[in-house]
Amino acid sequence: MRILCTNDDGIHAPGLKVVEEIARALSDDVWVVAPELDQSGVSHSLSLNDPLRLREVGPRHFAVRGTPTDCVIMGARHILGDKAPDLVLSGVNKGRNVAEDVVYSGTIAGALEGTILGFPSFALSQEFSIDTRNAPLWHTAKAHGPDILRKAIKAGVPKNTVININFPACLPDEVQGVRVTRQGKRNQGFLKIDQRHDGRGNPYYWIGFERILVADMPAEGTDLAALAARYVSVTPLRLDRTDEAFSATLAQTLG
């Protein structure tokens, strides 16, 4: 099995080494094509107005000055030659990708692009806590990732579905199990604009995050609830975003 690995944290990110180790537990034909720079939060951006610069950093390891989407296309359509990947793994992201993160995440976008190109694809993310922010528990992803992937691959991933896997912020033996979940929803009140001033007194702005003192109770069955209970969250996400229920209502209204 030929596996293409990418991420959004960049070619030197610790999580990329973790996803490569997970891939090597499944196959010895592993290729890494990742962004030259951190691309967190770029979602499914595709570089159309800028050239892609490609740099070989080691055997079967390449850096692309572009987005995770660019990397998957570059790997599948150029670097790997005539033999396409059998599997695309994106991650392991530093931090969870749940709820509305699905819309922003470059990690998930890398896996989505693999799915668009016709390959079974997985996004993998390691949650961290306040205590483990600077030292995520990568061993949790390494310990549980390969077995989850084997079972999901054996079950057969639908053609237009990407699998979003999130590992809880606890030690490997503290994981309570695996839950198949749906995408949750959280309070977006934590988003803020942080205004600062440069050396000449001109204002500039950062999009920032505030810590919520009292977090909402996540709905049962969601990715948020699974991680809170120390379960690995496995969420199948479909490429087709059509709202079938509202389509019927809209058709009656506009017909």
Protein backbone atom coordinates (compact mmCIF):
# COMPACT_ATOMS: atom_id res chain seq x y z
CA MET A 1 0.00 0.00 0.00
CA ARG A 2 1.39 3.38 -1.04
CA ILE A 3 0.66 6.12 1.51
CA LEU A 4 0.89 9.88 0.97
CA CYS A 5 1.28 11.95 4.14
CA THR A 6 0.75 15.69 4.51
CA ASN A 7 -0.21 18.24 7.18
CA ASP A 8 -0.91 21.92 7.70
CA ASP A 9 1.60 22.65 10.50
CA GLY A 10 4.55 22.50 8.11
CA ILE A 11 7.31 20.15 7.01
CA HIS A 12 9.19 20.39 10.34
CA ALA A 13 6.18 19.89 12.63
CA PRO A 14 6.48 17.10 15.24
CA GLY A 15 3.04 15.79 14.29
CA LEU A 16 4.20 15.08 10.75
CA LYS A 17 6.78 12.64 12.13
CA VAL A 18 3.98 11.02 14.13
CA VAL A 19 1.73 10.52 11.10
CA GLU A 20 4.69 9.06 9.23
CA GLU A 21 5.24 6.55 12.05
CA ILE A 22 1.55 5.64 11.92
CA ALA A 23 1.81 5.19 8.16
CA ARG A 24 4.89 2.98 8.51
CA ALA A 25 2.93 0.70 10.83
CA LEU A 26 0.74 0.00 7.78
CA SER A 27 3.26 0.05 4.92
CA ASP A 28 6.89 0.65 4.00
CA ASP A 29 5.92 2.66 0.90
CA VAL A 30 5.40 6.04 2.58
CA TRP A 31 5.81 9.48 1.00
CA VAL A 32 5.71 12.85 2.75
CA VAL A 33 4.69 16.04 0.94
CA ALA A 34 4.01 18.92 3.33
CA PRO A 35 3.90 22.72 3.31
CA GLU A 36 7.17 24.59 3.62
CA LEU A 37 5.53 26.94 6.16
CA ASP A 38 2.76 26.68 8.74
CA GLN A 39 -0.60 26.70 6.95
CA SER A 40 -2.93 26.32 9.92
CA GLY A 41 -6.41 27.67 9.27
CA VAL A 42 -6.06 27.99 5.50
CA SER A 43 -8.96 25.57 4.95
CA HIS A 44 -9.19 24.23 1.38
CA SER A 45 -7.13 26.99 -0.21
CA LEU A 46 -5.71 26.25 -3.65
CA SER A 47 -2.82 28.29 -5.07
CA LEU A 48 -3.85 29.54 -8.49
CA ASN A 49 -2.06 32.90 -8.73
CA ASP A 50 1.30 31.90 -7.25
CA PRO A 51 3.80 29.30 -8.45
CA LEU A 52 4.49 26.26 -6.28
CA ARG A 53 8.10 25.86 -5.20
CA LEU A 54 9.14 22.26 -4.55
CA ARG A 55 12.10 21.27 -2.37
CA GLU A 56 13.32 17.75 -1.67
CA VAL A 57 14.30 17.60 2.00
CA GLY A 58 15.14 13.89 2.10
CA PRO A 59 14.33 10.55 0.48
CA ARG A 60 10.56 10.55 -0.24
CA HIS A 61 10.22 13.80 1.75
CA PHE A 62 9.24 17.02 -0.04
CA ALA A 63 8.34 20.54 1.02
CA VAL A 64 5.97 22.66 -1.07
CA ARG A 65 5.62 26.41 -0.70
CA GLY A 66 1.88 26.16 -0.77
CA THR A 67 -1.19 24.87 1.06
CA PRO A 68 -2.08 21.33 2.18
CA THR A 69 -4.38 21.09 -0.84
CA ASP A 70 -1.46 22.03 -3.10
CA CYS A 71 0.70 19.39 -1.41
CA VAL A 72 -1.75 16.54 -2.00
CA ILE A 73 -2.19 17.50 -5.65
CA MET A 74 1.57 17.88 -6.10
CA GLY A 75 2.20 14.51 -4.46
CA ALA A 76 -0.51 12.55 -6.26
CA ARG A 77 -0.18 14.14 -9.68
CA HIS A 78 3.56 14.81 -9.92
CA ILE A 79 5.91 13.45 -7.26
CA LEU A 80 4.57 9.91 -7.05
CA GLY A 81 4.61 9.51 -10.81
CA ASP A 82 2.50 6.81 -12.44
CA LYS A 83 1.76 4.93 -9.20
CA ALA A 84 -0.85 6.92 -7.30
CA PRO A 85 -1.29 6.65 -3.51
CA ASP A 86 -3.64 4.06 -2.08
CA LEU A 87 -4.19 6.15 1.04
CA VAL A 88 -3.81 9.79 2.12
CA LEU A 89 -3.10 10.70 5.75
CA SER A 90 -3.18 14.35 6.88
CA GLY A 91 -1.81 15.33 10.30
CA VAL A 92 -1.14 14.64 13.01
CA ASN A 93 -2.37 18.13 13.82
CA LYS A 94 -1.27 19.84 17.02
CA GLY A 95 -4.68 20.43 18.55
CA ARG A 96 -8.09 18.96 17.89
CA ASN A 97 -10.13 19.54 14.74
CA VAL A 98 -13.75 19.23 15.81
CA ALA A 99 -17.04 21.11 15.49
CA GLU A 100 -16.56 24.28 13.38
CA ASP A 101 -12.83 23.55 13.06
CA VAL A 102 -13.86 21.32 10.18
CA VAL A 103 -14.53 24.46 8.11
CA TYR A 104 -11.21 26.18 8.91
CA SER A 105 -8.80 23.28 9.19
CA GLY A 106 -5.98 22.84 6.70
CA THR A 107 -5.44 19.35 8.12
CA ILE A 108 -8.94 18.27 7.16
CA ALA A 109 -8.59 20.06 3.82
CA GLY A 110 -5.56 17.92 2.97
CA ALA A 111 -7.61 14.79 3.56
CA LEU A 112 -10.58 16.25 1.68
CA GLU A 113 -8.39 16.82 -1.34
CA GLY A 114 -7.28 13.20 -1.20
CA THR A 115 -10.95 12.18 -1.19
CA ILE A 116 -11.70 14.49 -4.12
CA LEU A 117 -8.88 12.85 -6.06
CA GLY A 118 -10.40 9.43 -5.34
CA PHE A 119 -8.20 8.08 -2.53
CA PRO A 120 -9.35 6.87 0.92
CA SER A 121 -8.28 9.73 3.17
CA PHE A 122 -8.01 10.41 6.89
CA ALA A 123 -7.41 13.55 8.93
CA LEU A 124 -5.70 12.95 12.28
CA SER A 125 -5.46 15.42 15.17
CA GLN A 126 -4.08 15.22 18.71
CA GLU A 127 -5.99 17.25 21.28
CA PHE A 128 -3.97 19.05 23.95
CA SER A 129 -4.97 20.48 27.31
CA ILE A 130 -3.72 23.56 29.12
CA ASP A 131 -1.06 21.36 30.75
CA THR A 132 0.03 19.64 27.52
CA ARG A 133 -0.18 22.61 25.15
CA ASN A 134 3.60 22.78 24.75
CA ALA A 135 4.05 19.01 24.81
CA PRO A 136 1.08 17.23 23.20
CA LEU A 137 0.75 13.55 24.05
CA TRP A 138 1.75 12.28 20.61
CA HIS A 139 2.08 8.73 21.96
CA THR A 140 -1.70 8.57 22.19
CA ALA A 141 -2.07 9.07 18.44
CA LYS A 142 0.79 6.67 17.74
CA ALA A 143 -0.65 3.98 20.00
CA HIS A 144 -4.22 4.05 18.73
CA GLY A 145 -3.91 5.38 15.18
CA PRO A 146 -2.75 2.29 13.26
CA ASP A 147 -5.45 -0.05 14.58
CA ILE A 148 -8.24 2.46 13.91
CA LEU A 149 -6.97 2.99 10.37
CA ARG A 150 -6.73 -0.75 9.68
CA LYS A 151 -10.30 -1.34 10.82
CA ALA A 152 -11.70 1.65 8.92
CA ILE A 153 -9.91 0.64 5.74
CA LYS A 154 -11.19 -2.92 6.13
CA ALA A 155 -14.74 -1.60 6.54
CA GLY A 156 -14.36 0.28 3.27
CA VAL A 157 -14.39 4.07 3.21
CA PRO A 158 -17.14 5.40 0.89
CA LYS A 159 -15.87 7.21 -2.18
CA ASN A 160 -17.03 10.70 -1.18
CA THR A 161 -16.30 10.46 2.54
CA VAL A 162 -13.28 11.63 4.53
CA ILE A 163 -12.62 10.26 8.03
CA ASN A 164 -11.80 12.82 10.73
CA ILE A 165 -10.00 11.25 13.72
CA ASN A 166 -9.31 13.13 16.95
CA PHE A 167 -7.28 11.67 19.82
CA PRO A 168 -8.05 12.86 23.38
CA ALA A 169 -5.59 14.76 25.55
CA CYS A 170 -4.68 11.85 27.81
CA LEU A 171 -2.11 9.08 27.99
CA PRO A 172 -2.62 6.07 25.68
CA ASP A 173 -3.78 3.73 28.46
CA GLU A 174 -6.26 6.35 29.72
CA VAL A 175 -8.22 6.31 26.45
CA GLN A 176 -11.67 4.86 27.15
CA GLY A 177 -12.27 3.54 23.64
CA VAL A 178 -13.37 4.71 20.21
CA ARG A 179 -16.63 6.44 19.34
CA VAL A 180 -18.05 7.12 15.91
CA THR A 181 -19.41 10.64 16.23
CA ARG A 182 -21.12 13.48 14.42
CA GLN A 183 -19.73 16.98 14.03
CA GLY A 184 -20.50 19.07 17.10
CA LYS A 185 -21.18 22.75 17.57
CA ARG A 186 -19.59 25.00 20.14
CA ASN A 187 -19.95 28.54 21.45
CA GLN A 188 -18.10 30.91 19.09
CA GLY A 189 -17.94 33.65 21.74
CA PHE A 190 -14.26 32.86 22.28
CA LEU A 191 -13.26 34.55 18.98
CA LYS A 192 -11.95 38.10 19.38
CA ILE A 193 -10.05 40.81 17.55
CA ASP A 194 -6.84 41.83 19.31
CA GLN A 195 -5.80 45.36 18.32
CA ARG A 196 -2.17 46.40 18.71
CA HIS A 197 0.13 49.15 17.43
CA ASP A 198 3.41 48.89 15.55
CA GLY A 199 6.56 50.96 16.19
CA ARG A 200 5.12 53.90 14.25
CA GLY A 201 1.84 53.88 16.12
CA ASN A 202 -0.17 52.35 13.30
CA PRO A 203 -2.83 49.84 14.34
CA TYR A 204 -2.75 46.19 13.32
CA TYR A 205 -4.95 43.29 14.30
CA TRP A 206 -4.80 39.61 15.27
CA ILE A 207 -7.72 37.22 15.29
CA GLY A 208 -7.43 35.72 18.75
CA PHE A 209 -9.13 33.38 21.18
CA GLU A 210 -10.40 34.03 24.68
CA ARG A 211 -10.59 31.31 27.29
CA ILE A 212 -14.19 30.62 28.25
CA LEU A 213 -14.65 30.35 32.00
CA VAL A 214 -17.68 28.07 31.77
CA ALA A 215 -17.73 25.79 28.74
CA ASP A 216 -20.97 24.58 27.22
CA MET A 217 -21.91 20.96 27.81
CA PRO A 218 -21.31 19.20 24.48
CA ALA A 219 -24.21 17.32 22.96
CA GLU A 220 -24.11 13.56 23.32
CA GLY A 221 -22.84 11.74 20.27
CA THR A 222 -20.65 14.60 19.06
CA ASP A 223 -16.90 14.79 18.56
CA LEU A 224 -16.72 17.29 21.42
CA ALA A 225 -18.47 14.93 23.85
CA ALA A 226 -16.25 12.00 22.87
CA LEU A 227 -13.02 13.87 23.55
CA ALA A 228 -14.37 15.24 26.84
CA ALA A 229 -14.98 11.64 27.95
CA ARG A 230 -11.49 10.56 26.77
CA TYR A 231 -12.64 8.61 23.73
CA VAL A 232 -11.07 8.75 20.30
CA SER A 233 -13.55 10.55 18.05
CA VAL A 234 -14.02 9.18 14.53
CA THR A 235 -16.29 11.33 12.36
CA PRO A 236 -17.14 10.48 8.74
CA LEU A 237 -17.51 13.74 6.76
CA ARG A 238 -19.17 13.85 3.34
CA LEU A 239 -18.03 15.98 0.43
CA ASP A 240 -21.65 16.56 -0.56
CA ARG A 241 -22.87 19.41 1.66
CA THR A 242 -26.34 19.62 0.18
CA ASP A 243 -29.06 20.18 2.80
CA GLU A 244 -31.54 17.63 1.49
CA ALA A 245 -34.27 18.44 4.03
CA PHE A 246 -34.28 22.17 3.31
CA SER A 247 -33.97 21.54 -0.44
CA ALA A 248 -37.45 20.03 -0.43
CA THR A 249 -38.88 23.02 1.45
CA LEU A 250 -37.04 25.48 -0.79
CA ALA A 251 -38.27 23.72 -3.92
CA GLN A 252 -41.86 24.11 -2.79
CA THR A 253 -41.33 27.79 -1.96
CA LEU A 254 -39.53 28.68 -5.19
CA GLY A 255 -41.34 26.25 -7.51
